[in-house]
Every structure is written in C-alpha cells, then in structure tokens.
Protein backbone atom coordinates (compact mmCIF):
# COMPACT_ATOMS: atom_id res chain seq x y z
CA UNK A 1 85.01 109.45 111.45
CA UNK A 2 81.64 109.17 111.77
CA UNK A 3 79.57 108.39 115.48
CA UNK A 4 77.97 105.61 114.01
CA UNK A 5 81.03 104.18 113.07
CA UNK A 6 82.18 104.66 115.89
CA UNK A 7 79.50 103.29 117.75
CA UNK A 8 78.95 100.20 115.38
CA UNK A 9 80.13 96.69 117.49
CA UNK A 10 82.90 94.63 115.53
CA UNK A 11 83.54 91.10 116.74
CA UNK A 12 87.05 90.18 116.57
CA UNK A 13 87.82 86.93 114.98
CA UNK A 14 88.19 85.75 118.78
CA UNK A 15 84.41 86.31 118.58
CA UNK A 16 85.15 88.97 120.94
CA UNK A 17 82.80 92.27 120.30
CA UNK A 18 83.85 95.91 120.73
CA UNK A 19 83.60 99.28 119.81
CA UNK A 20 86.10 101.75 117.97
CA UNK A 21 85.10 104.41 120.94
CA UNK A 22 86.64 101.64 123.65
CA UNK A 23 89.81 103.30 122.11
CA UNK A 24 88.10 107.25 122.06
CA UNK A 25 91.75 108.32 123.97
CA UNK A 26 94.05 106.47 122.09
CA UNK A 27 95.55 106.73 118.19
CA UNK A 28 93.91 103.64 116.41
CA UNK A 29 95.34 102.41 112.98
CA UNK A 30 92.77 100.15 110.92
CA UNK A 31 94.76 97.49 108.70
CA UNK A 32 92.24 95.85 105.79
CA UNK A 33 93.49 92.70 105.13
CA UNK A 34 93.64 89.30 103.62
CA UNK A 35 95.44 85.56 104.14
CA UNK A 36 95.44 85.55 99.86
CA UNK A 37 97.31 89.22 99.51
CA UNK A 38 100.91 88.76 99.01
CA UNK A 39 101.14 92.70 99.40
CA UNK A 40 99.31 92.20 103.19
CA UNK A 41 101.95 89.62 104.26
CA UNK A 42 104.99 91.99 103.53
CA UNK A 43 103.08 94.60 105.60
CA UNK A 44 101.92 92.66 108.94
CA UNK A 45 105.54 92.14 110.63
CA UNK A 46 105.77 96.07 109.88
CA UNK A 47 102.20 96.43 111.90
CA UNK A 48 103.33 94.25 114.39
CA UNK A 49 106.52 96.77 114.78
CA UNK A 50 104.41 99.73 114.89
CA UNK A 51 101.59 97.83 117.97
CA UNK A 52 104.99 97.34 119.91
CA UNK A 53 106.76 100.41 119.15
CA UNK A 54 103.47 102.70 120.07
CA UNK A 55 101.43 100.49 122.34
CA UNK A 56 102.36 101.84 125.29
CA UNK A 57 102.20 105.55 123.88
CA UNK A 58 98.19 104.88 123.25
CA UNK A 59 98.27 103.39 119.63
CA UNK A 60 95.68 99.99 118.72
CA UNK A 61 96.38 98.48 115.71
CA UNK A 62 93.75 96.42 114.79
CA UNK A 63 93.55 93.87 111.53
CA UNK A 64 90.57 93.54 109.45
CA UNK A 65 88.72 90.74 107.55
CA UNK A 66 86.69 90.24 105.49
CA UNK A 67 84.21 87.27 105.61
CA UNK A 68 83.32 87.91 101.90
CA UNK A 69 87.33 87.72 102.21
CA UNK A 70 87.59 84.99 103.67
CA UNK A 71 85.32 82.98 102.26
CA UNK A 72 83.50 83.35 106.25
CA UNK A 73 86.03 80.42 107.36
CA UNK A 74 87.59 82.31 110.71
CA UNK A 75 89.08 79.45 111.51
CA UNK A 76 91.09 79.40 108.90
CA UNK A 77 92.26 82.99 109.55
CA UNK A 78 92.70 82.18 113.36
CA UNK A 79 94.96 79.57 112.21
CA UNK A 80 97.41 81.92 110.13
CA UNK A 81 97.38 85.27 112.46
CA UNK A 82 98.85 82.13 114.95
CA UNK A 83 100.90 80.64 112.42
CA UNK A 84 102.21 84.19 111.42
CA UNK A 85 102.38 85.21 115.48
CA UNK A 86 99.73 88.68 114.63
CA UNK A 87 100.16 90.14 118.38
CA UNK A 88 97.16 92.43 117.75
CA UNK A 89 93.33 92.25 117.20
CA UNK A 90 92.05 91.31 113.56
CA UNK A 91 88.38 92.36 113.22
CA UNK A 92 85.81 89.43 111.63
CA UNK A 93 83.23 91.90 109.25
CA UNK A 94 80.68 90.90 107.38
CA UNK A 95 82.29 93.71 104.81
CA UNK A 96 79.45 96.70 106.20
CA UNK A 97 82.79 98.74 108.58
CA UNK A 98 85.35 98.02 106.29
CA UNK A 99 82.83 99.58 103.01
CA UNK A 100 81.83 102.50 104.95
CA UNK A 101 85.59 103.20 106.04
CA UNK A 102 86.41 102.65 102.07
CA UNK A 103 83.51 105.05 101.45
CA UNK A 104 84.62 107.70 103.87
CA UNK A 105 88.00 108.63 101.94
CA UNK A 106 86.49 107.89 98.83
CA UNK A 107 88.70 104.84 98.68
CA UNK A 108 88.49 102.21 96.47
CA UNK A 109 87.89 98.60 97.16
CA UNK A 110 91.44 97.34 97.22
CA UNK A 111 93.25 95.48 99.52
CA UNK A 112 95.89 96.32 101.73
CA UNK A 113 94.21 100.06 102.81
CA UNK A 114 95.39 101.19 105.97
CA UNK A 115 93.41 103.80 107.80
CA UNK A 116 95.77 105.99 110.65
CA UNK A 117 92.53 107.49 113.44
CA UNK A 118 92.96 110.22 115.53
CA UNK A 119 91.79 110.39 119.24
CA UNK A 120 88.14 112.63 117.89
CA UNK A 121 87.49 109.83 115.59
CA UNK A 122 89.50 111.49 112.22
CA UNK A 123 90.76 109.56 109.66
CA UNK A 124 94.19 111.64 109.61
CA UNK A 125 95.54 109.28 106.91
CA UNK A 126 94.60 106.62 104.04
CA UNK A 127 97.00 104.52 102.83
CA UNK A 128 96.01 102.31 99.58
CA UNK A 129 98.40 99.31 98.72
CA UNK A 130 101.99 98.78 100.28
CA UNK A 131 105.05 99.27 98.99
CA UNK A 132 107.86 98.45 101.70
CA UNK A 133 110.38 101.60 101.15
CA UNK A 134 107.81 104.34 101.09
CA UNK A 135 104.94 102.67 103.10
CA UNK A 136 106.62 102.01 107.08
CA UNK A 137 107.83 105.32 106.89
CA UNK A 138 104.85 107.37 106.21
CA UNK A 139 103.04 105.34 108.15
CA UNK A 140 104.89 105.69 111.05
CA UNK A 141 104.71 109.50 110.97
CA UNK A 142 101.02 109.34 110.13
CA UNK A 143 100.80 107.77 113.64
CA UNK A 144 102.84 110.62 115.30
CA UNK A 145 100.82 113.35 113.37
CA UNK A 146 97.73 111.55 114.98
CA UNK A 147 99.87 111.50 118.18
CA UNK A 148 100.10 115.33 118.69
CA UNK A 149 96.76 115.89 117.35
CA UNK A 150 94.08 117.11 119.77
C-alpha cells in the first residue's frame, strides 16, 4: 500500500480522526461493508470474532462504510453498528479511500471486500464477497501469515 494511503486522515463513524500509519506496528484488516448488504451482515460476527481473538496479538479490525452506500446517513450507520454490537472501529469514507484500496488490488467495486495489510503496509490478501464456509478460515490464515511477515 502506498505511503500516501497510509498517511490519509480517516474518520470513524463517531467522528474521530486517525491514520493507518497509527497502526504501522500492527496487522490491519479493513472490511468494506454496507448496512443493506446481506453477505456483509453474515461476515460481521466472524470479524468480531477475529477482532476479539487477535487484538492482543497486534491485529486491528476496521470496518469501512461509504457515504455513497449509506446515503450520507452516518447516524443510521452508528445505530446499525450499536444494534449489532460491533466493537471494532468503522471508517466513514467519502469513497476516496475505499476506491484507492480497491484500485491497489485491481479489484471491482463490490461489497463486502476485505483487505489484510501486513505491518509493513503491504496488502497480503484481498477477499471479494463472503462465503460462510470458505472465507473465515482463509481470512484467519491470511492474518496468521501477515503476523509472521516482517
């Protein structure tokens, strides 16, 4: 991932600012999702589990909702996350950051999409869509791989 992307100032759905470089010593998993996306809803409990299991090992799970996908209604997104008891941070993006991520892997504009980013900023794995049988173990393996990489 380019240094520019790592230095982009992002905002959470709660309005807090941060940069990916704040987590440069951690493995970061970014999941692009939307409130109306069925596969996204199925994936969220798995991401919560990953967050809980790997937090102490230096993994940060970040959701990413876009203003476009959510008709610019951040309140509804916050309510949705609260109702579903999602504990990991979610980014509120105008589409610039998510588009750059997707472009970095030559991906398509589909959701959900998940990016596993190693401590050095490399995207080690990219997942498009979600399959409840195959995706969780593959994501877990990608996180383990990223933790091992220098």
